[in-house]
N, C-alpha and C. Protein backbone atom coordinates (compact mmCIF):
# COMPACT_ATOMS: atom_id res chain seq x y z
N MET A 1 58.40 42.85 130.80
CA MET A 1 59.23 42.66 131.43
C MET A 1 60.60 41.72 131.37
N ASN A 2 61.46 41.60 130.69
CA ASN A 2 62.56 40.35 130.60
C ASN A 2 63.35 40.39 132.16
N THR A 3 62.97 39.15 132.60
CA THR A 3 63.91 39.01 133.86
C THR A 3 64.76 37.47 133.92
N LYS A 4 65.13 37.07 132.29
CA LYS A 4 65.79 36.05 132.24
C LYS A 4 67.20 36.36 133.00
N ASN A 5 67.66 36.72 133.14
CA ASN A 5 69.02 37.35 133.64
C ASN A 5 69.10 37.36 135.07
N VAL A 6 67.30 37.63 135.62
CA VAL A 6 67.41 36.90 137.42
C VAL A 6 67.64 35.68 137.58
N THR A 7 68.49 35.41 138.62
CA THR A 7 68.46 33.76 139.29
C THR A 7 67.48 33.46 140.30
N ASP A 8 67.34 34.42 141.27
CA ASP A 8 66.83 34.51 142.21
C ASP A 8 65.18 34.59 142.26
N THR A 9 64.94 33.27 142.22
CA THR A 9 63.16 33.48 142.30
C THR A 9 62.27 34.45 143.08
N GLU A 10 62.53 34.85 143.96
CA GLU A 10 61.70 36.15 144.67
C GLU A 10 62.00 37.10 144.42
N GLU A 11 63.44 37.44 143.86
CA GLU A 11 63.73 38.88 143.52
C GLU A 11 63.10 38.94 141.64
N ARG A 12 62.82 37.63 141.06
CA ARG A 12 62.32 37.69 140.25
C ARG A 12 60.79 38.05 140.00
N LYS A 13 59.92 37.61 141.15
CA LYS A 13 58.91 38.05 141.41
C LYS A 13 58.78 39.38 141.80
N LYS A 14 59.46 39.60 142.59
CA LYS A 14 59.20 41.02 143.21
C LYS A 14 59.50 41.93 141.89
N LEU A 15 60.37 41.58 140.99
CA LEU A 15 60.43 42.98 139.56
C LEU A 15 59.21 42.92 138.90
N LYS A 16 58.55 41.70 139.04
CA LYS A 16 57.74 41.31 137.61
C LYS A 16 56.42 42.02 138.59
N ARG A 17 56.11 42.00 139.77
CA ARG A 17 55.01 42.65 140.48
C ARG A 17 55.14 44.41 140.49
N THR A 18 56.52 44.80 140.69
CA THR A 18 56.37 46.14 140.41
C THR A 18 55.84 46.44 139.37
N ALA A 19 56.58 46.00 138.22
CA ALA A 19 56.64 45.96 136.60
C ALA A 19 54.49 45.89 136.43
N ARG A 20 54.07 45.14 136.64
CA ARG A 20 52.66 44.88 136.89
C ARG A 20 52.04 45.97 137.43
N LYS A 21 52.74 46.40 138.33
CA LYS A 21 51.54 47.72 138.92
C LYS A 21 52.54 48.92 138.08
N LYS A 22 52.74 49.08 137.69
CA LYS A 22 53.33 50.58 137.10
C LYS A 22 52.91 50.55 135.64
N ALA A 23 52.58 49.26 134.85
CA ALA A 23 51.87 49.10 133.52
C ALA A 23 50.62 49.83 133.32
N ALA A 24 50.31 50.21 132.29
CA ALA A 24 48.88 50.69 132.10
C ALA A 24 48.18 49.79 132.22
N PRO A 25 46.54 50.10 132.71
CA PRO A 25 45.80 49.10 132.69
C PRO A 25 45.39 48.35 131.19
N LYS A 26 45.35 47.59 131.02
CA LYS A 26 44.82 46.67 129.82
C LYS A 26 43.37 47.35 129.60
N ALA A 27 43.48 47.22 128.12
CA ALA A 27 42.05 47.78 127.61
C ALA A 27 40.96 46.72 127.58
N LYS A 28 39.42 47.12 127.66
CA LYS A 28 38.56 45.82 128.38
C LYS A 28 38.30 45.32 126.51
N ARG A 29 38.01 43.97 126.58
CA ARG A 29 37.89 43.19 125.25
C ARG A 29 36.59 43.97 124.56
N ALA A 30 36.93 43.99 123.05
CA ALA A 30 35.59 44.50 122.39
C ALA A 30 34.18 43.69 122.62
N ALA A 31 33.05 44.30 122.32
CA ALA A 31 31.77 43.99 122.31
C ALA A 31 31.84 42.56 121.59
N GLY A 32 32.19 42.49 120.56
CA GLY A 32 31.85 41.45 119.61
C GLY A 32 32.96 40.28 119.61
N VAL A 33 33.73 40.57 120.60
CA VAL A 33 34.66 39.22 120.12
C VAL A 33 34.55 38.30 121.27
N ALA A 34 34.34 36.94 120.68
CA ALA A 34 33.76 36.06 121.50
C ALA A 34 35.45 35.32 122.27
N ARG A 35 34.95 34.94 123.65
CA ARG A 35 35.94 34.18 124.11
C ARG A 35 36.08 32.95 124.82
N GLY A 36 37.13 32.05 124.93
CA GLY A 36 36.77 30.79 125.36
C GLY A 36 35.46 30.29 125.36
N SER A 37 34.45 29.70 126.02
CA SER A 37 33.68 28.79 125.83
C SER A 37 32.53 29.78 125.01
N GLU A 38 32.68 30.94 124.96
CA GLU A 38 31.75 31.63 123.87
C GLU A 38 31.86 31.52 122.51
N LYS A 39 33.04 31.11 122.09
CA LYS A 39 33.76 30.36 120.98
C LYS A 39 32.80 29.55 119.88
N LYS A 40 32.63 29.88 118.56
CA LYS A 40 31.81 28.80 117.92
C LYS A 40 32.78 27.50 117.59
N LYS A 41 32.13 26.46 117.95
CA LYS A 41 32.86 25.34 118.31
C LYS A 41 32.73 24.69 116.34
N ILE A 42 33.89 23.59 116.05
CA ILE A 42 34.00 23.08 115.31
C ILE A 42 33.75 21.54 115.39
N ARG A 43 32.83 21.10 114.51
CA ARG A 43 32.66 19.70 114.87
C ARG A 43 33.82 18.53 114.85
N HIS A 44 34.77 18.70 113.55
CA HIS A 44 35.36 18.14 112.62
C HIS A 44 36.55 18.78 112.25
N GLN A 45 37.97 18.80 112.62
CA GLN A 45 38.78 19.54 111.57
C GLN A 45 39.79 18.58 111.22
N ALA A 46 39.56 19.07 109.29
CA ALA A 46 40.35 18.50 108.63
C ALA A 46 41.94 18.34 109.19
N GLN A 47 42.87 17.54 108.69
CA GLN A 47 43.89 17.96 108.70
C GLN A 47 44.68 18.98 108.16
N GLY A 48 45.59 19.73 108.29
CA GLY A 48 45.93 21.11 107.93
C GLY A 48 45.70 21.87 107.50
N GLN A 49 44.19 22.03 107.90
CA GLN A 49 43.34 23.06 107.57
C GLN A 49 42.73 24.04 108.87
N ARG A 50 42.68 25.45 108.56
CA ARG A 50 42.21 26.02 109.67
C ARG A 50 40.92 25.98 110.35
N LYS A 51 41.23 26.31 111.92
CA LYS A 51 39.72 25.66 112.61
C LYS A 51 38.49 26.63 112.40
N ARG A 52 39.05 27.91 111.97
CA ARG A 52 38.09 29.05 111.98
C ARG A 52 38.16 29.84 110.68
């Protein structure tokens, strides 16, 4: 939801909350996808290289 043009903070909060309630529920994360602390860690990253 784009609330960029709404200046009043409380009004923006209300709009966002109603939009969040109306939105379809997010799908569950797939079984094989690691998240956060479960991810494979890297010992030392070379400059300019991809992490994983």
